[in-house]
Amino acid sequence: MTILDNIVLKKKKEVAAAKMVTSYTQLEEREMFLRDTLSFRDFLLNPARTGIIAEFKRRSPSKGVINDEAKVADVTMGYNSAGASALSVLTDRHFFGGRKMDLLEARKVNHIPILRKDFMIDEYQIVEAKTLGADVILLIAAILTPEQIKHFATTAKSVGLNVLLEVHNQEELERSLDDNVDAVGVNNRNLADFTTSVETSFRLVEHIPDQFLKVSESAISNPETIKELKAAGFNGFLIGENFMKHRYPGYAMEEFVRQLQ
């Protein structure tokens, strides 16, 4: 059984438990459910921003603890000030040390799109994401059928959320595209064994239709890599570990952006 298999198994149990505590109706009664979301496309393509989707992540299954002292409000405001086009906030607790409250805290102090970074296997999580202040959800092709992707993307649109579809290879890409998807993210990390290679992005970019925003995820640690990815056609760049491994992630991003310029 792979790490990804274990994550999905655990997530099914977590969602079932959450449903026992809070119903759909109770979620929809929360104040944040009525909030107007921000456009992922508008912010990602804004020339005054960097295209970087900066991630708040305490730990990962492959690296263990990355930064368990950073405060989500401080880090995300630092990212915003450094020019992030969007934020990514991990809400998986068991494997990544995330918390649902992290997303709410980031939302309170930032006015740029926020991606709920989690393993979405049930429409309940999509409705929940809206109530936590998310603007974007992540759908991972490796753990979903084409029918689930279509259903979840439609559900997300019905509550005003943007959709980032994550793929790892051409087969996932070709079977997973849907008109309700806003962006296609190429994850340079193999979720079966957590090895990384940015070549995955360069290999897949020409196969992503131009109607979708194109995002390269993970394994980006050099500003020169972003310049090369932009030249190849990418609009967004999800970076987390490279910033989070520093004591002050916001400052680390500032230095990174200076090198980009």
Protein backbone atom coordinates (compact mmCIF):
# COMPACT_ATOMS: atom_id res chain seq x y z
CA MET A 1 0.00 0.00 0.00
CA THR A 2 1.41 3.42 -1.01
CA ILE A 3 1.48 6.58 1.09
CA LEU A 4 -1.34 7.91 -1.09
CA ASP A 5 -3.46 4.82 -0.42
CA ASN A 6 -2.98 5.31 3.33
CA ILE A 7 -3.90 8.99 3.06
CA VAL A 8 -7.14 8.23 1.19
CA LEU A 9 -8.10 5.50 3.65
CA LYS A 10 -7.57 7.85 6.59
CA LYS A 11 -9.42 10.66 4.81
CA LYS A 12 -12.53 8.54 4.29
CA LYS A 13 -12.68 7.88 8.02
CA GLU A 14 -12.16 11.58 8.83
CA VAL A 15 -14.94 12.71 6.50
CA ALA A 16 -17.36 10.12 7.87
CA ALA A 17 -16.63 11.35 11.40
CA ALA A 18 -17.06 15.01 10.38
CA LYS A 19 -20.47 14.28 8.87
CA MET A 20 -21.57 12.82 12.20
CA VAL A 21 -20.71 16.07 13.95
CA THR A 22 -21.78 18.72 11.41
CA SER A 23 -24.48 18.26 8.76
CA TYR A 24 -24.60 19.83 5.30
CA THR A 25 -27.36 22.13 6.53
CA GLN A 26 -25.24 23.29 9.46
CA LEU A 27 -22.31 23.98 7.12
CA GLU A 28 -24.50 26.05 4.82
CA GLU A 29 -25.72 28.12 7.77
CA ARG A 30 -22.21 29.33 8.53
CA GLU A 31 -21.52 32.98 7.70
CA MET A 32 -18.55 32.24 5.41
CA PHE A 33 -20.70 30.06 3.15
CA LEU A 34 -22.30 33.19 1.67
CA ARG A 35 -18.98 34.92 1.03
CA ASP A 36 -18.19 35.96 -2.55
CA THR A 37 -15.03 34.13 -3.61
CA LEU A 38 -12.07 35.67 -5.42
CA SER A 39 -11.18 34.81 -9.01
CA PHE A 40 -8.18 32.49 -9.22
CA ARG A 41 -7.68 33.48 -12.88
CA ASP A 42 -7.70 37.23 -12.21
CA PHE A 43 -5.07 37.03 -9.49
CA LEU A 44 -2.88 34.46 -11.22
CA LEU A 45 -2.73 36.53 -14.42
CA ASN A 46 -2.36 39.90 -12.68
CA PRO A 47 1.00 41.29 -13.93
CA ALA A 48 1.48 43.09 -10.62
CA ARG A 49 1.72 39.69 -8.92
CA THR A 50 4.27 36.90 -9.30
CA GLY A 51 2.19 33.89 -10.33
CA ILE A 52 3.43 32.14 -7.20
CA ILE A 53 0.94 30.13 -5.12
CA ALA A 54 2.75 30.18 -1.79
CA GLU A 55 2.03 27.32 0.55
CA PHE A 56 1.76 27.03 4.32
CA LYS A 57 2.82 23.50 5.26
CA ARG A 58 4.14 22.30 8.61
CA ARG A 59 5.30 18.83 7.60
CA SER A 60 4.98 16.12 4.96
CA PRO A 61 5.11 12.31 4.88
CA SER A 62 8.37 12.38 2.92
CA LYS A 63 10.27 15.12 4.81
CA GLY A 64 8.76 14.93 8.28
CA VAL A 65 8.65 18.23 10.17
CA ILE A 66 9.44 21.19 7.92
CA ASN A 67 8.45 24.07 10.17
CA ASP A 68 6.20 23.53 13.18
CA GLU A 69 6.83 26.92 14.79
CA ALA A 70 5.56 29.25 12.03
CA LYS A 71 2.27 31.06 12.58
CA VAL A 72 -0.17 30.86 9.69
CA ALA A 73 -1.26 34.51 9.84
CA ASP A 74 2.32 35.80 9.90
CA VAL A 75 3.52 33.52 7.12
CA THR A 76 0.59 34.08 4.77
CA MET A 77 0.69 37.86 5.22
CA GLY A 78 4.39 37.70 4.44
CA TYR A 79 3.67 35.73 1.29
CA ASN A 80 0.99 38.23 0.28
CA SER A 81 3.33 41.18 0.81
CA ALA A 82 6.03 39.45 -1.24
CA GLY A 83 3.69 39.27 -4.23
CA ALA A 84 1.98 35.89 -4.02
CA SER A 85 -0.88 35.52 -6.50
CA ALA A 86 -2.59 33.03 -4.21
CA LEU A 87 -2.06 31.05 -1.03
CA SER A 88 -2.20 27.31 -0.45
CA VAL A 89 -3.07 26.11 3.05
CA LEU A 90 -2.79 22.45 4.06
CA THR A 91 -5.78 21.30 6.11
CA ASP A 92 -4.82 17.61 6.44
CA ARG A 93 -3.79 17.08 10.05
CA HIS A 94 -2.63 13.45 10.23
CA PHE A 95 -0.04 13.49 7.43
CA PHE A 96 0.77 17.19 6.99
CA GLY A 97 0.12 18.78 10.38
CA GLY A 98 -2.55 21.05 8.94
CA ARG A 99 -5.68 22.34 10.61
CA LYS A 100 -8.97 23.61 9.28
CA MET A 101 -8.54 26.66 11.49
CA ASP A 102 -5.36 27.50 9.57
CA LEU A 103 -7.46 28.29 6.53
CA LEU A 104 -9.84 30.47 8.51
CA GLU A 105 -6.94 32.35 10.08
CA ALA A 106 -5.30 32.92 6.69
CA ARG A 107 -8.61 34.16 5.28
CA LYS A 108 -9.05 36.75 8.04
CA VAL A 109 -5.81 38.56 7.19
CA ASN A 110 -5.52 38.21 3.39
CA HIS A 111 -7.45 39.36 0.33
CA ILE A 112 -6.01 37.04 -2.30
CA PRO A 113 -7.33 33.60 -3.34
CA ILE A 114 -6.72 30.70 -0.97
CA LEU A 115 -6.51 27.09 -2.06
CA ARG A 116 -7.69 24.46 0.38
CA LYS A 117 -4.90 21.91 -0.03
CA ASP A 118 -6.31 18.56 0.98
CA PHE A 119 -7.32 15.18 -0.40
CA MET A 120 -10.88 15.74 -1.59
CA ILE A 121 -12.79 12.47 -1.78
CA ASP A 122 -16.32 13.64 -0.88
CA GLU A 123 -18.51 16.60 -1.86
CA TYR A 124 -18.90 17.32 1.87
CA GLN A 125 -15.30 18.60 1.89
CA ILE A 126 -16.11 21.02 -0.93
CA VAL A 127 -18.99 22.62 0.96
CA GLU A 128 -16.79 22.66 4.06
CA ALA A 129 -14.01 24.40 2.11
CA LYS A 130 -16.36 27.27 1.30
CA THR A 131 -17.25 27.70 4.97
CA LEU A 132 -13.54 27.81 5.88
CA GLY A 133 -12.88 30.73 3.55
CA ALA A 134 -11.37 28.91 0.57
CA ASP A 135 -11.61 30.27 -2.97
CA VAL A 136 -10.10 27.25 -4.70
CA ILE A 137 -10.27 23.50 -4.14
CA LEU A 138 -7.85 20.82 -5.30
CA LEU A 139 -9.01 17.72 -7.16
CA ILE A 140 -6.30 15.06 -7.44
CA ALA A 141 -6.81 12.88 -10.53
CA ALA A 142 -4.77 10.04 -9.02
CA ILE A 143 -7.42 9.38 -6.37
CA LEU A 144 -10.60 10.22 -8.31
CA THR A 145 -12.52 8.74 -11.21
CA PRO A 146 -13.49 10.94 -14.18
CA GLU A 147 -17.08 10.80 -12.92
CA GLN A 148 -16.05 12.01 -9.47
CA ILE A 149 -13.98 14.83 -10.95
CA LYS A 150 -16.92 16.00 -13.05
CA HIS A 151 -19.31 15.80 -10.08
CA PHE A 152 -16.95 17.51 -7.64
CA ALA A 153 -16.04 20.27 -10.12
CA THR A 154 -19.73 20.93 -10.77
CA THR A 155 -20.40 21.01 -7.03
CA ALA A 156 -17.55 23.45 -6.50
CA LYS A 157 -18.89 25.77 -9.19
CA SER A 158 -22.37 25.63 -7.68
CA VAL A 159 -21.04 27.16 -4.43
CA GLY A 160 -18.73 29.63 -6.18
CA LEU A 161 -15.38 27.88 -5.81
CA ASN A 162 -12.56 27.73 -8.36
CA VAL A 163 -11.16 24.30 -9.26
CA LEU A 164 -7.52 23.26 -9.61
CA LEU A 165 -7.18 19.80 -11.15
CA GLU A 166 -3.92 18.05 -10.28
CA VAL A 167 -2.35 15.49 -12.62
CA HIS A 168 0.91 13.56 -12.64
CA ASN A 169 1.00 12.11 -16.14
CA GLN A 170 -0.64 12.30 -19.56
CA GLU A 171 -3.08 9.49 -18.88
CA GLU A 172 -4.50 11.30 -15.84
CA LEU A 173 -4.69 14.53 -17.83
CA GLU A 174 -6.56 13.06 -20.76
CA ARG A 175 -9.18 11.26 -18.68
CA SER A 176 -9.78 14.05 -16.18
CA LEU A 177 -10.36 17.35 -18.02
CA ASP A 178 -13.74 18.98 -17.44
CA ASP A 179 -15.22 22.32 -18.46
CA ASN A 180 -15.78 23.25 -14.80
CA VAL A 181 -12.05 23.04 -14.09
CA ASP A 182 -10.29 26.42 -14.01
CA ALA A 183 -6.67 25.32 -13.85
CA VAL A 184 -4.59 22.22 -14.42
CA GLY A 185 -1.74 21.67 -12.01
CA VAL A 186 1.11 19.37 -12.91
CA ASN A 187 2.47 17.90 -9.70
CA ASN A 188 6.18 17.28 -10.08
CA ARG A 189 5.97 15.02 -7.02
CA ASN A 190 5.00 11.40 -7.57
CA LEU A 191 2.40 10.79 -4.87
CA ALA A 192 3.09 7.06 -4.88
CA ASP A 193 6.70 7.41 -3.68
CA PHE A 194 7.06 11.23 -3.21
CA THR A 195 10.05 11.55 -5.56
CA THR A 196 10.17 14.82 -7.55
CA SER A 197 11.18 15.99 -11.00
CA VAL A 198 10.26 19.32 -12.61
CA GLU A 199 10.68 17.64 -15.99
CA THR A 200 7.14 16.32 -15.47
CA SER A 201 5.84 19.84 -16.04
CA PHE A 202 7.87 20.43 -19.19
CA ARG A 203 6.72 17.09 -20.55
CA LEU A 204 2.99 17.71 -19.99
CA VAL A 205 2.53 21.43 -20.67
CA GLU A 206 1.94 21.09 -24.41
CA HIS A 207 -0.86 18.60 -23.74
CA ILE A 208 -2.88 21.00 -21.54
CA PRO A 209 -5.51 22.89 -23.60
CA ASP A 210 -5.10 26.67 -23.53
CA GLN A 211 -8.57 27.19 -22.02
CA PHE A 212 -7.10 26.12 -18.67
CA LEU A 213 -4.64 27.99 -16.49
CA LYS A 214 -1.43 26.00 -16.24
CA VAL A 215 0.23 25.51 -12.86
CA SER A 216 3.48 23.74 -12.01
CA GLU A 217 3.53 22.28 -8.51
CA SER A 218 6.39 21.22 -6.24
CA ALA A 219 10.15 20.78 -6.83
CA ILE A 220 10.58 24.49 -7.58
CA SER A 221 13.49 25.94 -5.62
CA ASN A 222 15.27 28.19 -8.13
CA PRO A 223 13.94 31.44 -9.65
CA GLU A 224 15.49 30.39 -12.96
CA THR A 225 13.15 27.39 -13.00
CA ILE A 226 10.14 29.72 -12.87
CA LYS A 227 11.51 31.71 -15.80
CA GLU A 228 11.85 28.49 -17.79
CA LEU A 229 8.36 27.33 -16.80
CA LYS A 230 6.87 30.68 -17.82
CA ALA A 231 8.58 30.42 -21.19
CA ALA A 232 7.09 26.94 -21.57
CA GLY A 233 3.57 28.30 -20.98
CA PHE A 234 2.88 28.02 -17.26
CA ASN A 235 0.89 30.75 -15.47
CA GLY A 236 1.29 29.63 -11.86
CA PHE A 237 3.88 28.04 -9.62
CA LEU A 238 3.02 26.34 -6.34
CA ILE A 239 5.89 26.58 -3.87
CA GLY A 240 5.80 25.53 -0.24
CA GLU A 241 8.69 23.56 1.15
CA ASN A 242 11.30 25.88 -0.35
CA PHE A 243 9.91 28.76 1.71
CA MET A 244 8.66 26.87 4.75
CA LYS A 245 12.05 25.31 5.52
CA HIS A 246 13.26 28.80 6.52
CA ARG A 247 12.58 30.29 9.92
CA TYR A 248 10.79 33.23 8.29
CA PRO A 249 9.05 31.92 5.14
CA GLY A 250 7.76 35.34 4.09
CA TYR A 251 11.28 36.76 4.02
CA ALA A 252 12.46 33.72 2.09
CA MET A 253 9.84 34.42 -0.55
CA GLU A 254 10.83 38.10 -0.70
CA GLU A 255 14.42 37.12 -1.51
CA PHE A 256 13.20 34.59 -4.08
CA VAL A 257 11.07 37.24 -5.81
CA ARG A 258 13.99 39.70 -5.87
CA GLN A 259 15.97 37.13 -7.81
CA LEU A 260 13.04 36.70 -10.19
CA GLN A 261 13.16 40.39 -11.00
